[in-house]
Every structure is written in C-alpha cells, then in structure tokens.
C-alpha cells in the first residue's frame, strides 16, 4: 500500500452530504469513517481503512432549508493511505457548471425500488439540466429551488435515477 505524500492534507477528508436535511444531525454525529468500502454487508477488510473523526468543518454557508453548500470536511485521526480502492477525488480547477445536456457520473448507497438501501455502491450517469428549466413547472417547480450553488441533473428520458433513488 502506498502512503500518501500529502502529509498536511491527508487528515482532511471531503465528505459530501447527499441526503435530506433531516439527516443533517446524523452527519454531525459521525465519529468513524470507513474508506475503501464497496459493499455495506460483505466484509472486505483487506480494502477497508477505518479512521476516527476528530473535528468537523461544515461549509460556513450551509443552509439546510435549501440544502445549499452541503459539504463538510472531516479531520481524521491519522493519514489515509492511497490504495486501489481509496483515491483522491479530483475536484477540477474550474468553477463553471457542466453544460446542460452533458453527462455526470453520480454514486451512492441510496434507496432502490426493490430494497430500502443498496448493499453495494451504485453509480449512474445523469444528464445535466439547465437551472432555469429545472426550476420551471415542467420539472421541479421550485421544489426545491435549484440555486446557483447547485447543479440540476436527472433523467434523460431513458433512465430515472439519481444518487438517492435508483431504478434497478
């Protein structure tokens, strides 16, 4: 296993909160992070890294009503090792939104039509939708309001999926 050379940075882990705001309290109470997990039920100990959360840094502009800026940094008790199953998330160097019609890969352990929660990490390509169109009555009708700090993406008409609900 390769030890990360980012000594000053490895104790921070980006944790994207991608659930309903009612679950916010849960994320503030997270005390352990398990990295390298693919299945929630199958023990894959050779790929797991377990770290304790020692400090949380929520986005200063997080607002649970609109689910904006739902990003949190977690300081971990020891550095993370980069492996085949644990890699850095490349955030890119631009602040531009992906253009409407482009595809984005999203992943999560969300609910499915057949079970409450998926056992394995699921991923799906979603289509980016223009923010104005997304807020129109044809799409979300401002429920919730998709703000400048959000990207609207979803079905392209062929599949109906997002990070929280997946049709399988």
Protein backbone atom coordinates (compact mmCIF):
# COMPACT_ATOMS: atom_id res chain seq x y z
CA UNK A 1 0.00 0.00 0.00
CA UNK A 2 1.23 3.42 -0.91
CA UNK A 3 1.36 6.03 1.86
CA UNK A 4 0.15 9.44 0.76
CA UNK A 5 2.75 12.18 0.43
CA UNK A 6 0.20 14.91 1.17
CA UNK A 7 1.08 14.95 4.90
CA UNK A 8 -0.64 18.26 5.66
CA UNK A 9 -3.74 17.38 3.66
CA UNK A 10 -4.34 13.70 4.33
CA UNK A 11 -6.03 14.27 7.66
CA UNK A 12 -8.85 16.09 5.89
CA UNK A 13 -11.46 14.10 4.01
CA UNK A 14 -14.18 15.61 1.90
CA UNK A 15 -17.49 14.17 2.94
CA UNK A 16 -20.34 15.06 0.67
CA UNK A 17 -23.67 15.08 2.44
CA UNK A 18 -26.14 13.95 -0.16
CA UNK A 19 -29.23 13.16 1.85
CA UNK A 20 -32.23 15.08 3.12
CA UNK A 21 -31.66 17.90 5.58
CA UNK A 22 -33.47 15.91 8.27
CA UNK A 23 -30.41 13.66 8.31
CA UNK A 24 -28.06 16.56 9.00
CA UNK A 25 -27.85 15.75 12.69
CA UNK A 26 -26.67 12.25 11.77
CA UNK A 27 -23.74 13.61 9.79
CA UNK A 28 -22.74 15.93 12.60
CA UNK A 29 -22.58 12.89 14.89
CA UNK A 30 -20.42 10.73 12.59
CA UNK A 31 -17.46 9.51 14.63
CA UNK A 32 -15.90 6.91 12.30
CA UNK A 33 -15.13 6.91 8.58
CA UNK A 34 -14.61 3.64 6.74
CA UNK A 35 -12.80 4.13 3.43
CA UNK A 36 -12.47 1.61 0.61
CA UNK A 37 -15.97 0.17 1.13
CA UNK A 38 -17.90 -1.21 -1.82
CA UNK A 39 -20.42 -3.45 -0.03
CA UNK A 40 -22.15 -2.43 3.19
CA UNK A 41 -22.73 -6.06 4.21
CA UNK A 42 -19.80 -8.03 2.81
CA UNK A 43 -16.70 -7.62 4.96
CA UNK A 44 -13.87 -6.53 2.66
CA UNK A 45 -11.33 -5.90 5.41
CA UNK A 46 -8.32 -6.03 3.09
CA UNK A 47 -9.53 -2.84 1.38
CA UNK A 48 -11.03 -1.02 4.38
CA UNK A 49 -9.36 1.82 6.25
CA UNK A 50 -11.08 2.90 9.47
CA UNK A 51 -10.39 6.39 10.80
CA UNK A 52 -11.81 8.35 13.73
CA UNK A 53 -13.27 11.81 13.11
CA UNK A 54 -11.56 14.29 15.42
CA UNK A 55 -13.06 17.52 14.05
CA UNK A 56 -15.78 18.61 11.61
CA UNK A 57 -15.70 21.66 9.33
CA UNK A 58 -19.15 22.30 7.80
CA UNK A 59 -19.34 24.77 4.94
CA UNK A 60 -19.79 28.23 6.52
CA UNK A 61 -22.73 28.96 4.21
CA UNK A 62 -24.54 25.64 4.70
CA UNK A 63 -28.28 26.25 4.84
CA UNK A 64 -30.35 23.14 5.50
CA UNK A 65 -33.65 24.60 4.25
CA UNK A 66 -32.37 24.87 0.67
CA UNK A 67 -29.73 22.13 1.00
CA UNK A 68 -27.13 24.55 -0.30
CA UNK A 69 -23.40 24.17 0.32
CA UNK A 70 -23.94 20.69 1.77
CA UNK A 71 -20.25 19.94 2.02
CA UNK A 72 -18.22 19.10 5.11
CA UNK A 73 -14.53 18.47 5.72
CA UNK A 74 -13.63 15.90 8.34
CA UNK A 75 -10.31 15.88 10.17
CA UNK A 76 -9.26 12.29 10.75
CA UNK A 77 -7.06 10.86 13.49
CA UNK A 78 -4.40 9.60 11.07
CA UNK A 79 -3.48 9.92 7.39
CA UNK A 80 -5.29 7.97 4.71
CA UNK A 81 -3.32 5.52 2.58
CA UNK A 82 -3.89 5.76 -1.16
CA UNK A 83 -4.76 2.30 -2.50
CA UNK A 84 -6.63 0.62 -5.35
CA UNK A 85 -9.92 1.35 -3.53
CA UNK A 86 -9.03 4.68 -1.85
CA UNK A 87 -8.09 7.55 -4.14
CA UNK A 88 -8.14 11.34 -4.11
CA UNK A 89 -11.25 12.99 -5.51
CA UNK A 90 -10.20 15.31 -8.30
CA UNK A 91 -12.33 18.43 -7.94
CA UNK A 92 -11.02 20.15 -11.04
CA UNK A 93 -9.74 23.68 -11.43
CA UNK A 94 -12.79 25.47 -12.76
CA UNK A 95 -15.88 26.87 -11.11
CA UNK A 96 -18.01 26.56 -14.25
CA UNK A 97 -21.12 24.42 -14.28
CA UNK A 98 -21.14 21.48 -16.66
CA UNK A 99 -23.20 22.45 -19.72
CA UNK A 100 -26.85 21.39 -19.98
CA UNK A 101 -27.14 18.07 -21.76
CA UNK A 102 -23.77 16.79 -20.59
CA UNK A 103 -23.47 13.58 -18.58
CA UNK A 104 -22.26 13.34 -14.99
CA UNK A 105 -21.49 10.20 -13.02
CA UNK A 106 -23.06 10.11 -9.55
CA UNK A 107 -22.67 7.39 -6.92
CA UNK A 108 -24.18 6.44 -3.58
CA UNK A 109 -25.84 3.84 -1.40
CA UNK A 110 -29.32 5.30 -1.90
CA UNK A 111 -32.69 3.60 -1.83
CA UNK A 112 -33.81 1.42 -4.71
CA UNK A 113 -37.21 0.28 -5.95
CA UNK A 114 -36.56 -3.23 -4.66
CA UNK A 115 -34.91 -2.59 -1.28
CA UNK A 116 -34.64 0.11 1.33
CA UNK A 117 -30.91 0.70 0.82
CA UNK A 118 -28.48 -0.69 -1.70
CA UNK A 119 -25.87 -3.08 -0.27
CA UNK A 120 -23.26 -2.05 -2.84
CA UNK A 121 -22.12 1.34 -4.04
CA UNK A 122 -24.24 2.15 -7.08
CA UNK A 123 -23.45 4.62 -9.84
CA UNK A 124 -25.38 6.03 -12.74
CA UNK A 125 -24.91 8.64 -15.46
CA UNK A 126 -27.33 11.56 -15.16
CA UNK A 127 -28.00 14.36 -17.63
CA UNK A 128 -27.35 17.98 -16.60
CA UNK A 129 -30.49 20.13 -16.93
CA UNK A 130 -30.43 23.91 -17.35
CA UNK A 131 -31.09 25.52 -13.94
CA UNK A 132 -33.90 27.77 -15.24
CA UNK A 133 -35.60 24.83 -16.94
CA UNK A 134 -35.12 22.73 -13.81
CA UNK A 135 -36.94 25.32 -11.66
CA UNK A 136 -39.84 25.55 -14.14
CA UNK A 137 -43.22 23.92 -13.51
CA UNK A 138 -42.27 21.21 -16.04
CA UNK A 139 -39.51 19.93 -13.76
CA UNK A 140 -39.16 20.70 -10.04
CA UNK A 141 -41.37 23.82 -9.98
CA UNK A 142 -39.04 25.44 -7.41
CA UNK A 143 -39.47 22.48 -5.01
CA UNK A 144 -36.68 22.62 -4.07
CA UNK A 145 -35.29 25.78 -5.62
CA UNK A 146 -32.16 24.87 -7.57
CA UNK A 147 -29.80 27.73 -6.72
CA UNK A 148 -26.56 28.91 -8.37
CA UNK A 149 -24.67 26.72 -5.91
CA UNK A 150 -26.38 23.56 -7.18
CA UNK A 151 -26.33 21.53 -10.36
CA UNK A 152 -29.60 20.11 -11.64
CA UNK A 153 -29.28 16.66 -13.16
CA UNK A 154 -31.54 13.70 -13.59
CA UNK A 155 -33.32 11.61 -16.14
CA UNK A 156 -32.60 11.94 -19.82
CA UNK A 157 -35.96 10.31 -20.53
CA UNK A 158 -34.43 6.83 -20.82
CA UNK A 159 -33.47 6.18 -17.21
CA UNK A 160 -34.91 7.54 -13.99
CA UNK A 161 -32.12 7.70 -11.45
CA UNK A 162 -30.18 9.90 -9.08
CA UNK A 163 -27.87 9.35 -6.12
CA UNK A 164 -30.71 8.69 -3.69
CA UNK A 165 -33.15 6.65 -5.78
CA UNK A 166 -32.13 4.17 -8.44
CA UNK A 167 -34.43 2.12 -10.65
CA UNK A 168 -32.97 -1.38 -10.98
